[in-house]
Structures are given as C-alpha cells and as structure tokens.
C-alpha atoms as a PDB file:
ATOM      1  CA  MET A   1    -209.316  -2.637 117.397  1.00  0.00           C
ATOM      2  CA  ALA A   2    -210.469  -6.123 116.994  1.00  0.00           C
ATOM      3  CA  GLU A   3    -213.369  -6.499 114.115  1.00  0.00           C
ATOM      4  CA  LYS A   4    -216.938  -6.431 115.117  1.00  0.00           C
ATOM      5  CA  ASN A   5    -217.361 -10.156 116.808  1.00  0.00           C
ATOM      6  CA  ARG A   6    -220.356 -11.890 118.466  1.00  0.00           C
ATOM      7  CA  ILE A   7    -219.302 -10.131 121.664  1.00  0.00           C
ATOM      8  CA  THR A   8    -219.714  -6.710 120.180  1.00  0.00           C
ATOM      9  CA  ALA A   9    -222.563  -7.257 118.182  1.00  0.00           C
ATOM     10  CA  ARG A  10    -224.373  -9.014 121.434  1.00  0.00           C
ATOM     11  CA  PHE A  11    -223.874  -5.799 123.355  1.00  0.00           C
ATOM     12  CA  SER A  12    -224.802  -3.333 120.611  1.00  0.00           C
ATOM     13  CA  GLU A  13    -227.914  -5.527 120.175  1.00  0.00           C
ATOM     14  CA  LEU A  14    -228.962  -5.314 123.989  1.00  0.00           C
ATOM     15  CA  ALA A  15    -228.267  -1.960 124.351  1.00  0.00           C
ATOM     16  CA  LYS A  16    -230.541  -0.930 121.549  1.00  0.00           C
ATOM     17  CA  ASN A  17    -233.074  -2.922 123.936  1.00  0.00           C
ATOM     18  CA  GLY A  18    -232.515  -1.310 126.929  1.00  0.00           C
ATOM     19  CA  GLU A  19    -231.035  -4.344 128.469  1.00  0.00           C
ATOM     20  CA  CYS A  20    -227.557  -5.059 130.415  1.00  0.00           C
ATOM     21  CA  ALA A  21    -225.610  -8.366 129.403  1.00  0.00           C
ATOM     22  CA  LEU A  22    -225.588 -11.349 131.333  1.00  0.00           C
ATOM     23  CA  VAL A  23    -222.079 -13.069 131.192  1.00  0.00           C
ATOM     24  CA  CYS A  24    -222.058 -16.527 132.914  1.00  0.00           C
ATOM     25  CA  TYR A  25    -218.653 -18.089 133.773  1.00  0.00           C
ATOM     26  CA  VAL A  26    -218.347 -22.198 134.038  1.00  0.00           C
ATOM     27  CA  VAL A  27    -214.952 -23.987 134.890  1.00  0.00           C
ATOM     28  CA  ALA A  28    -214.025 -26.223 132.236  1.00  0.00           C
ATOM     29  CA  GLY A  29    -214.122 -29.872 133.604  1.00  0.00           C
ATOM     30  CA  TYR A  30    -216.080 -28.852 136.943  1.00  0.00           C
ATOM     31  CA  PRO A  31    -217.231 -31.279 137.758  1.00  0.00           C
ATOM     32  CA  ASP A  32    -216.516 -32.931 134.404  1.00  0.00           C
ATOM     33  CA  LEU A  33    -216.553 -32.001 130.866  1.00  0.00           C
ATOM     34  CA  ARG A  34    -219.766 -33.220 129.918  1.00  0.00           C
ATOM     35  CA  THR A  35    -221.459 -31.841 132.515  1.00  0.00           C
ATOM     36  CA  SER A  36    -219.809 -28.478 131.836  1.00  0.00           C
ATOM     37  CA  GLN A  37    -221.371 -28.405 128.451  1.00  0.00           C
ATOM     38  CA  ALA A  38    -224.786 -29.450 129.645  1.00  0.00           C
ATOM     39  CA  VAL A  39    -224.161 -26.401 132.199  1.00  0.00           C
ATOM     40  CA  VAL A  40    -223.726 -24.051 129.308  1.00  0.00           C
ATOM     41  CA  GLU A  41    -226.752 -25.014 127.810  1.00  0.00           C
ATOM     42  CA  MET A  42    -228.772 -24.880 130.368  1.00  0.00           C
ATOM     43  CA  LEU A  43    -227.272 -21.106 131.101  1.00  0.00           C
ATOM     44  CA  VAL A  44    -227.820 -20.539 127.325  1.00  0.00           C
ATOM     45  CA  GLU A  45    -231.572 -21.749 127.908  1.00  0.00           C
ATOM     46  CA  GLY A  46    -232.106 -19.609 130.853  1.00  0.00           C
ATOM     47  CA  GLY A  47    -231.205 -16.577 128.455  1.00  0.00           C
ATOM     48  CA  ALA A  48    -226.937 -15.991 129.165  1.00  0.00           C
ATOM     49  CA  ASP A  49    -226.104 -13.597 126.535  1.00  0.00           C
ATOM     50  CA  ALA A  50    -222.340 -14.900 126.678  1.00  0.00           C
ATOM     51  CA  ILE A  51    -220.332 -17.500 127.993  1.00  0.00           C
ATOM     52  CA  GLU A  52    -217.150 -17.183 129.882  1.00  0.00           C
ATOM     53  CA  ILE A  53    -215.246 -20.995 129.969  1.00  0.00           C
ATOM     54  CA  GLY A  54    -212.600 -20.724 132.478  1.00  0.00           C
ATOM     55  CA  ILE A  55    -209.400 -22.990 131.683  1.00  0.00           C
ATOM     56  CA  PRO A  56    -208.447 -24.430 134.893  1.00  0.00           C
ATOM     57  CA  PHE A  57    -205.008 -22.703 136.548  1.00  0.00           C
ATOM     58  CA  SER A  58    -203.072 -23.650 139.481  1.00  0.00           C
ATOM     59  CA  ASP A  59    -202.597 -20.180 141.048  1.00  0.00           C
ATOM     60  CA  PRO A  60    -205.853 -18.628 139.878  1.00  0.00           C
ATOM     61  CA  ILE A  61    -204.678 -14.999 141.886  1.00  0.00           C
ATOM     62  CA  ALA A  62    -208.124 -13.069 140.914  1.00  0.00           C
ATOM     63  CA  ASP A  63    -210.890 -16.323 141.779  1.00  0.00           C
ATOM     64  CA  GLY A  64    -211.935 -16.617 145.064  1.00  0.00           C
ATOM     65  CA  PRO A  65    -212.626 -20.073 147.020  1.00  0.00           C
ATOM     66  CA  THR A  66    -215.495 -21.578 145.149  1.00  0.00           C
ATOM     67  CA  ILE A  67    -213.968 -21.038 141.853  1.00  0.00           C
ATOM     68  CA  GLN A  68    -210.448 -22.177 143.420  1.00  0.00           C
ATOM     69  CA  GLU A  69    -211.864 -25.279 144.608  1.00  0.00           C
ATOM     70  CA  ALA A  70    -213.699 -26.183 141.305  1.00  0.00           C
ATOM     71  CA  SER A  71    -210.369 -25.005 139.086  1.00  0.00           C
ATOM     72  CA  HIS A  72    -208.368 -27.119 141.485  1.00  0.00           C
ATOM     73  CA  THR A  73    -211.051 -30.432 141.476  1.00  0.00           C
ATOM     74  CA  ALA A  74    -210.737 -29.836 137.347  1.00  0.00           C
ATOM     75  CA  LEU A  75    -206.833 -30.115 137.270  1.00  0.00           C
ATOM     76  CA  GLU A  76    -207.002 -32.987 139.457  1.00  0.00           C
ATOM     77  CA  LYS A  77    -209.047 -34.767 136.775  1.00  0.00           C
ATOM     78  CA  GLY A  78    -206.329 -33.994 134.455  1.00  0.00           C
ATOM     79  CA  ILE A  79    -208.305 -31.180 132.496  1.00  0.00           C
ATOM     80  CA  LYS A  80    -205.776 -29.235 130.087  1.00  0.00           C
ATOM     81  CA  PRO A  81    -206.398 -25.851 128.242  1.00  0.00           C
ATOM     82  CA  ALA A  82    -206.738 -28.116 124.759  1.00  0.00           C
ATOM     83  CA  ASP A  83    -209.872 -29.549 126.667  1.00  0.00           C
ATOM     84  CA  ALA A  84    -211.208 -26.400 127.565  1.00  0.00           C
ATOM     85  CA  LEU A  85    -210.815 -25.240 123.744  1.00  0.00           C
ATOM     86  CA  ALA A  86    -212.413 -28.508 122.677  1.00  0.00           C
ATOM     87  CA  LEU A  87    -215.195 -27.750 125.074  1.00  0.00           C
ATOM     88  CA  ALA A  88    -215.650 -24.403 123.599  1.00  0.00           C
ATOM     89  CA  LEU A  89    -215.629 -25.988 119.914  1.00  0.00           C
ATOM     90  CA  ARG A  90    -218.710 -27.996 121.110  1.00  0.00           C
ATOM     91  CA  VAL A  91    -220.321 -24.988 122.228  1.00  0.00           C
ATOM     92  CA  ARG A  92    -219.826 -22.962 119.632  1.00  0.00           C
ATOM     93  CA  LYS A  93    -221.467 -25.772 116.925  1.00  0.00           C
ATOM     94  CA  LYS A  94    -224.493 -25.675 119.477  1.00  0.00           C
ATOM     95  CA  PHE A  95    -224.625 -22.078 119.390  1.00  0.00           C
ATOM     96  CA  PRO A  96    -223.608 -20.443 116.177  1.00  0.00           C
ATOM     97  CA  ASP A  97    -224.302 -16.816 117.821  1.00  0.00           C
ATOM     98  CA  LEU A  98    -223.493 -17.034 121.147  1.00  0.00           C
ATOM     99  CA  PRO A  99    -220.711 -14.755 122.272  1.00  0.00           C
ATOM    100  CA  LEU A 100    -217.984 -17.360 123.677  1.00  0.00           C
ATOM    101  CA  LEU A 101    -214.844 -15.861 126.018  1.00  0.00           C
ATOM    102  CA  VAL A 102    -211.976 -18.002 127.232  1.00  0.00           C
ATOM    103  CA  MET A 103    -210.764 -16.714 131.030  1.00  0.00           C
ATOM    104  CA  THR A 104    -207.407 -17.916 131.896  1.00  0.00           C
ATOM    105  CA  TYR A 105    -204.124 -16.540 133.315  1.00  0.00           C
ATOM    106  CA  SER A 106    -201.046 -15.253 130.807  1.00  0.00           C
ATOM    107  CA  ASN A 107    -199.039 -18.473 131.757  1.00  0.00           C
ATOM    108  CA  ILE A 108    -200.865 -20.313 129.729  1.00  0.00           C
ATOM    109  CA  LEU A 109    -201.049 -18.233 126.725  1.00  0.00           C
ATOM    110  CA  ALA A 110    -197.156 -17.804 127.182  1.00  0.00           C
ATOM    111  CA  ARG A 111    -196.705 -21.655 127.685  1.00  0.00           C
ATOM    112  CA  LYS A 112    -197.956 -22.053 124.263  1.00  0.00           C
ATOM    113  CA  GLY A 113    -197.284 -19.174 122.456  1.00  0.00           C
ATOM    114  CA  PHE A 114    -199.786 -16.187 122.041  1.00  0.00           C
ATOM    115  CA  GLU A 115    -199.960 -16.399 118.345  1.00  0.00           C
ATOM    116  CA  LYS A 116    -200.625 -20.244 118.326  1.00  0.00           C
ATOM    117  CA  PHE A 117    -203.024 -20.319 121.216  1.00  0.00           C
ATOM    118  CA  VAL A 118    -204.871 -17.117 119.744  1.00  0.00           C
ATOM    119  CA  VAL A 119    -204.912 -19.327 116.669  1.00  0.00           C
ATOM    120  CA  LEU A 120    -206.147 -22.259 118.321  1.00  0.00           C
ATOM    121  CA  SER A 121    -208.784 -20.665 120.154  1.00  0.00           C
ATOM    122  CA  LYS A 122    -210.419 -18.794 117.020  1.00  0.00           C
ATOM    123  CA  ALA A 123    -210.602 -22.251 115.545  1.00  0.00           C
ATOM    124  CA  SER A 124    -212.560 -23.339 118.788  1.00  0.00           C
ATOM    125  CA  GLY A 125    -214.815 -20.850 117.978  1.00  0.00           C
ATOM    126  CA  VAL A 126    -213.642 -18.226 120.837  1.00  0.00           C
ATOM    127  CA  ASP A 127    -214.519 -14.647 120.321  1.00  0.00           C
ATOM    128  CA  GLY A 128    -212.097 -13.348 122.898  1.00  0.00           C
ATOM    129  CA  PHE A 129    -210.216 -13.504 126.331  1.00  0.00           C
ATOM    130  CA  ILE A 130    -210.292 -12.383 129.575  1.00  0.00           C
ATOM    131  CA  ILE A 131    -206.591 -12.588 131.270  1.00  0.00           C
ATOM    132  CA  PRO A 132    -206.837 -11.160 134.944  1.00  0.00           C
ATOM    133  CA  ASP A 133    -203.237 -10.954 135.463  1.00  0.00           C
ATOM    134  CA  MET A 134    -202.327  -9.504 132.007  1.00  0.00           C
ATOM    135  CA  PRO A 135    -201.367  -5.899 132.944  1.00  0.00           C
ATOM    136  CA  VAL A 136    -202.101  -3.544 129.892  1.00  0.00           C
ATOM    137  CA  GLU A 137    -198.248  -2.201 130.076  1.00  0.00           C
ATOM    138  CA  GLU A 138    -197.001  -5.746 128.941  1.00  0.00           C
ATOM    139  CA  ALA A 139    -199.802  -6.865 126.883  1.00  0.00           C
ATOM    140  CA  GLU A 140    -198.558  -5.458 123.265  1.00  0.00           C
ATOM    141  CA  GLU A 141    -197.744  -8.989 122.006  1.00  0.00           C
ATOM    142  CA  TYR A 142    -200.841 -10.420 122.961  1.00  0.00           C
ATOM    143  CA  THR A 143    -203.350  -7.547 122.077  1.00  0.00           C
ATOM    144  CA  LYS A 144    -201.409  -7.836 118.348  1.00  0.00           C
ATOM    145  CA  ALA A 145    -202.380 -11.296 117.906  1.00  0.00           C
ATOM    146  CA  ALA A 146    -205.532 -11.006 119.025  1.00  0.00           C
ATOM    147  CA  SER A 147    -206.080  -7.911 116.813  1.00  0.00           C
ATOM    148  CA  ARG A 148    -205.053  -9.959 113.910  1.00  0.00           C
ATOM    149  CA  HIS A 149    -207.539 -12.786 114.029  1.00  0.00           C
ATOM    150  CA  GLY A 150    -210.076 -10.305 115.248  1.00  0.00           C
ATOM    151  CA  LEU A 151    -210.685 -11.674 118.906  1.00  0.00           C
ATOM    152  CA  SER A 152    -211.460  -9.308 121.707  1.00  0.00           C
ATOM    153  CA  THR A 153    -209.380  -8.508 124.385  1.00  0.00           C
ATOM    154  CA  VAL A 154    -211.165  -7.670 127.800  1.00  0.00           C
ATOM    155  CA  PHE A 155    -209.001  -6.026 130.099  1.00  0.00           C
ATOM    156  CA  LEU A 156    -209.769  -5.501 134.026  1.00  0.00           C
ATOM    157  CA  ALA A 157    -210.202  -2.120 135.788  1.00  0.00           C
ATOM    158  CA  SER A 158    -210.833  -2.436 139.733  1.00  0.00           C
ATOM    159  CA  PRO A 159    -212.637   0.699 141.607  1.00  0.00           C
ATOM    160  CA  ASN A 160    -208.764   2.094 142.631  1.00  0.00           C
ATOM    161  CA  THR A 161    -207.600   2.168 139.371  1.00  0.00           C
ATOM    162  CA  PRO A 162    -205.949   5.903 138.467  1.00  0.00           C
ATOM    163  CA  ALA A 163    -207.733   7.660 135.469  1.00  0.00           C
ATOM    164  CA  THR A 164    -204.712   7.954 133.347  1.00  0.00           C
ATOM    165  CA  ARG A 165    -204.263   4.093 133.846  1.00  0.00           C
ATOM    166  CA  LEU A 166    -207.724   3.501 132.948  1.00  0.00           C
ATOM    167  CA  GLU A 167    -207.445   5.522 130.091  1.00  0.00           C
ATOM    168  CA  ARG A 168    -204.883   3.520 128.861  1.00  0.00           C
ATOM    169  CA  ILE A 169    -207.195   0.221 129.452  1.00  0.00           C
ATOM    170  CA  VAL A 170    -210.194   1.333 127.445  1.00  0.00           C
ATOM    171  CA  LYS A 171    -207.496   2.199 124.715  1.00  0.00           C
ATOM    172  CA  ALA A 172    -206.505  -1.593 124.740  1.00  0.00           C
ATOM    173  CA  THR A 173    -209.811  -2.720 125.270  1.00  0.00           C
ATOM    174  CA  THR A 174    -212.228  -4.573 122.919  1.00  0.00           C
ATOM    175  CA  GLY A 175    -215.350  -6.090 123.306  1.00  0.00           C
ATOM    176  CA  PHE A 176    -216.061  -4.910 126.940  1.00  0.00           C
ATOM    177  CA  LEU A 177    -214.366  -3.511 129.760  1.00  0.00           C
ATOM    178  CA  TYR A 178    -214.373  -5.985 132.669  1.00  0.00           C
ATOM    179  CA  LEU A 179    -215.004  -3.721 136.421  1.00  0.00           C
ATOM    180  CA  VAL A 180    -214.111  -5.476 139.351  1.00  0.00           C
ATOM    181  CA  SER A 181    -216.881  -4.545 141.505  1.00  0.00           C
ATOM    182  CA  ILE A 182    -215.046  -4.940 144.402  1.00  0.00           C
ATOM    183  CA  PHE A 183    -211.200  -4.889 146.215  1.00  0.00           C
ATOM    184  CA  GLY A 184    -209.920  -8.399 146.583  1.00  0.00           C
ATOM    185  CA  ILE A 185    -211.038 -11.628 144.770  1.00  0.00           C
ATOM    186  CA  THR A 186    -214.102 -13.357 143.026  1.00  0.00           C
ATOM    187  CA  GLY A 187    -217.199 -14.781 145.267  1.00  0.00           C
ATOM    188  CA  ALA A 188    -221.029 -14.247 145.844  1.00  0.00           C
ATOM    189  CA  ARG A 189    -221.902 -11.616 148.564  1.00  0.00           C
ATOM    190  CA  SER A 190    -224.964 -10.167 149.989  1.00  0.00           C
ATOM    191  CA  ASN A 191    -224.644  -6.021 149.082  1.00  0.00           C
ATOM    192  CA  PHE A 192    -221.889  -3.579 147.758  1.00  0.00           C
ATOM    193  CA  GLU A 193    -220.144  -0.277 148.957  1.00  0.00           C
ATOM    194  CA  ASP A 194    -220.500   2.958 147.577  1.00  0.00           C
ATOM    195  CA  TYR A 195    -217.408   3.155 145.884  1.00  0.00           C
ATOM    196  CA  THR A 196    -218.917   0.687 143.805  1.00  0.00           C
ATOM    197  CA  LEU A 197    -221.483   3.016 142.244  1.00  0.00           C
ATOM    198  CA  GLN A 198    -218.612   5.347 141.967  1.00  0.00           C
ATOM    199  CA  ALA A 199    -216.446   3.023 140.396  1.00  0.00           C
ATOM    200  CA  VAL A 200    -219.379   2.234 137.563  1.00  0.00           C
ATOM    201  CA  LYS A 201    -219.545   6.009 136.659  1.00  0.00           C
ATOM    202  CA  ASN A 202    -216.235   6.400 136.744  1.00  0.00           C
ATOM    203  CA  ALA A 203    -215.673   3.376 134.078  1.00  0.00           C
ATOM    204  CA  LYS A 204    -218.455   4.439 131.795  1.00  0.00           C
ATOM    205  CA  ARG A 205    -216.553   8.184 131.832  1.00  0.00           C
ATOM    206  CA  ALA A 206    -213.610   6.856 130.715  1.00  0.00           C
ATOM    207  CA  ALA A 207    -215.005   4.379 128.419  1.00  0.00           C
ATOM    208  CA  ALA A 208    -217.614   6.898 126.626  1.00  0.00           C
ATOM    209  CA  SER A 209    -218.657   5.054 123.341  1.00  0.00           C
ATOM    210  CA  LYS A 210    -215.325   3.190 122.945  1.00  0.00           C
ATOM    211  CA  VAL A 211    -216.500   0.118 124.863  1.00  0.00           C
ATOM    212  CA  PRO A 212    -219.314  -1.406 126.871  1.00  0.00           C
ATOM    213  CA  ILE A 213    -218.285  -1.912 130.877  1.00  0.00           C
ATOM    214  CA  ALA A 214    -219.355  -5.282 132.555  1.00  0.00           C
ATOM    215  CA  VAL A 215    -219.349  -5.319 136.179  1.00  0.00           C
ATOM    216  CA  GLY A 216    -218.094  -8.443 137.774  1.00  0.00           C
ATOM    217  CA  PHE A 217    -217.169  -9.780 141.127  1.00  0.00           C
ATOM    218  CA  GLY A 218    -219.501 -10.771 143.902  1.00  0.00           C
ATOM    219  CA  ILE A 219    -222.929 -10.680 141.856  1.00  0.00           C
ATOM    220  CA  SER A 220    -224.962 -13.371 142.704  1.00  0.00           C
ATOM    221  CA  LYS A 221    -228.784 -11.668 143.102  1.00  0.00           C
ATOM    222  CA  PRO A 222    -231.355 -10.269 140.952  1.00  0.00           C
ATOM    223  CA  GLU A 223    -231.077  -7.129 142.976  1.00  0.00           C
ATOM    224  CA  HIS A 224    -227.318  -6.974 142.525  1.00  0.00           C
ATOM    225  CA  VAL A 225    -227.857  -6.752 138.570  1.00  0.00           C
ATOM    226  CA  LYS A 226    -230.605  -3.923 138.854  1.00  0.00           C
ATOM    227  CA  TYR A 227    -228.078  -1.925 141.225  1.00  0.00           C
ATOM    228  CA  MET A 228    -225.020  -2.176 138.646  1.00  0.00           C
ATOM    229  CA  LYS A 229    -227.766  -1.285 135.823  1.00  0.00           C
ATOM    230  CA  SER A 230    -228.760   1.481 137.360  1.00  0.00           C
ATOM    231  CA  ALA A 231    -225.460   2.726 137.913  1.00  0.00           C
ATOM    232  CA  GLY A 232    -224.727   2.469 134.342  1.00  0.00           C
ATOM    233  CA  ALA A 233    -223.463  -0.832 133.895  1.00  0.00           C
ATOM    234  CA  ASP A 234    -224.000  -2.604 130.349  1.00  0.00           C
ATOM    235  CA  GLY A 235    -223.429  -5.698 131.581  1.00  0.00           C
ATOM    236  CA  VAL A 236    -223.199  -7.816 134.801  1.00  0.00           C
ATOM    237  CA  ILE A 237    -220.605 -11.199 134.790  1.00  0.00           C
ATOM    238  CA  VAL A 238    -221.833 -14.108 137.230  1.00  0.00           C
ATOM    239  CA  GLY A 239    -219.310 -16.913 138.358  1.00  0.00           C
ATOM    240  CA  SER A 240    -219.276 -18.078 141.643  1.00  0.00           C
ATOM    241  CA  ALA A 241    -222.647 -18.061 142.377  1.00  0.00           C
ATOM    242  CA  ILE A 242    -223.086 -20.472 139.531  1.00  0.00           C
ATOM    243  CA  VAL A 243    -220.380 -22.774 140.482  1.00  0.00           C
ATOM    244  CA  ASP A 244    -222.018 -22.686 144.157  1.00  0.00           C
ATOM    245  CA  ILE A 245    -225.199 -24.218 142.750  1.00  0.00           C
ATOM    246  CA  ILE A 246    -223.037 -26.744 141.201  1.00  0.00           C
ATOM    247  CA  SER A 247    -221.299 -27.744 144.059  1.00  0.00           C
ATOM    248  CA  SER A 248    -224.308 -27.830 146.460  1.00  0.00           C
ATOM    249  CA  SER A 249    -226.099 -30.036 143.863  1.00  0.00           C
ATOM    250  CA  ILE A 250    -224.069 -32.015 142.454  1.00  0.00           C
ATOM    251  CA  LYS A 251    -225.051 -35.566 143.366  1.00  0.00           C
ATOM    252  CA  VAL A 252    -228.455 -35.451 141.647  1.00  0.00           C
ATOM    253  CA  LYS A 253    -227.382 -33.765 138.365  1.00  0.00           C
ATOM    254  CA  ALA A 254    -230.740 -33.517 136.498  1.00  0.00           C
ATOM    255  CA  ARG A 255    -231.980 -31.248 139.618  1.00  0.00           C
ATOM    256  CA  MET A 256    -228.788 -28.892 139.482  1.00  0.00           C
ATOM    257  CA  LEU A 257    -228.989 -28.428 135.953  1.00  0.00           C
ATOM    258  CA  ARG A 258    -232.728 -27.016 136.241  1.00  0.00           C
ATOM    259  CA  ARG A 259    -231.299 -24.907 138.900  1.00  0.00           C
ATOM    260  CA  VAL A 260    -229.022 -23.506 137.076  1.00  0.00           C
ATOM    261  CA  ARG A 261    -231.353 -22.614 133.886  1.00  0.00           C
ATOM    262  CA  SER A 262    -233.899 -20.881 136.593  1.00  0.00           C
ATOM    263  CA  TYR A 263    -231.111 -18.888 138.220  1.00  0.00           C
ATOM    264  CA  ALA A 264    -229.952 -17.854 134.458  1.00  0.00           C
ATOM    265  CA  GLN A 265    -233.521 -16.899 133.662  1.00  0.00           C
ATOM    266  CA  THR A 266    -233.928 -14.807 137.151  1.00  0.00           C
ATOM    267  CA  MET A 267    -230.698 -12.885 136.881  1.00  0.00           C
ATOM    268  CA  LYS A 268    -231.703 -12.496 133.131  1.00  0.00           C
ATOM    269  CA  ALA A 269    -234.865 -11.020 134.125  1.00  0.00           C
ATOM    270  CA  ALA A 270    -233.711  -8.415 136.156  1.00  0.00           C
ATOM    271  CA  CYS A 271    -231.242  -7.167 133.326  1.00  0.00           C
ATOM    272  CA  LYS A 272    -234.414  -6.425 131.510  1.00  0.00           C
ATOM    273  CA  GLN A 273    -235.474  -4.216 134.193  1.00  0.00           C
END
C-alpha cells in the first residue's frame, strides 16, 4: 500500500462530512498551458476536491471524441509529458494540499521508465496515477515504483469486471478505485442504465473499507452526482463536460473561466446533498 497521501486524506475527510469527492479532469495544454492552469484554478475555486491532469497521448483509447480532440490539439501544439508535469508543479505550488493525479497511458511511463517517471512525478507534486490501459496483471513494476515513492495507483474497473478480477484490482489499487459507469468510452450523457447502479454496489462490496470508489465516464450533471452518491459512490469524476465548456467558450477566455468555476460550484453542491 502507498503511504497515506493527499488523495487518501481528502477522501477520508469528505467521508466524515457525508460528502462525495468531486474529481475534475483537464487536458494539459488545452487550449494552451497558461489556460490549463487558469482552468484548474477556477475548478478548485469552484470546489473541486481533486484534479486529474491528462497528459496528451496519440491514441487515447479510453477517451471519447471530446477529450480525444482536446488531446490532439494539445499534441499539435507540441505539448509533452514534461510540460504536463511542469503544469502539475505550478498547480502544486499554488495549492499545497490539493490531491493531484496524472492521467495518461502506459506507453508514456514505459518510454521514460517506470521508476524515472514516478520520481519525476513525485518531484512535480503529483500524488498518484490513472493509467486506463494498464492491466492489473501486468502492473507489478509500475505499482512497486509508485509504492516506493508513496504515490497512489488508481486502477479502473468496469460494470462487467468479474468478481475475482475486481478483487485483484482492489488489492492493487491505492487512493481510490475508478469505476467506469458505462460500457464504452468517455463523454457526457443524459442518463444511466440500471447496470450502473448495480456496478457501483458490486464495487463497493468488493472494496469494502479498503479503498473508496469514484465513478467516472459520462457524468456531467448534478443529478448524475446525486444518483452515484445515492448508489454508494465516494466520489465522481468529471472530464468531458469540462472540456466541452472550454471548447464552446474558447473565444472569450474570461467568460469561459467563469463558466468553469460556476459549473464546479454546481457539481460540488450536489456532492453535499
């Protein structure tokens, strides 16, 4: 197990208050690095409990069209993993207690070397990782490196993950378990099927008191937050809806930033209900 870090501490604190965590995702360098930082600041001002910084990747298989397009735009502008970690460091300096995660794909870590990437991330103020294409069966080198440096390894489970594999994922997970709410890729949606409710309950049962459960993919409205919380989720993860706000308001930066903050406030209010 990783040492108790900011992620673990924040989830624990929120649980005592009967709140679920609001985890917000941004693509590093979309639409540019300076704006990425401003978006993070507005999200935190609006009540985000944790920030997930996405490192742009050429083949983001878990992401829907919204995040794929943002990632592609960032890559075209030359954004590299080092830029994303530099962004993380600037965010860390501004928000010393903010839980901060990096979301990327395993090839980014493997190319740099797991140990080296973890060390660089730690030095940049990162608290943990979300690697959607990292199967738990092949993650030993990664989890050991993260554990040595006290960083969380957030693994993903889906609605159809078998119970035996879910137990293995829970065992390898620190920080929180990322439960994918739907079959498919990320993207804002209007509602959820009954299987999502059952998936949350199954994940909670498997996780017991070992790790909290945060639900992502498709969450974009306060009613989604309330639905997941009532099902037993300890947190919600919001990404595409935030990128949509940026994309739709990109020409007037001040208005876009106000919309981002207001959206975070609305979603965080639902976390407390």
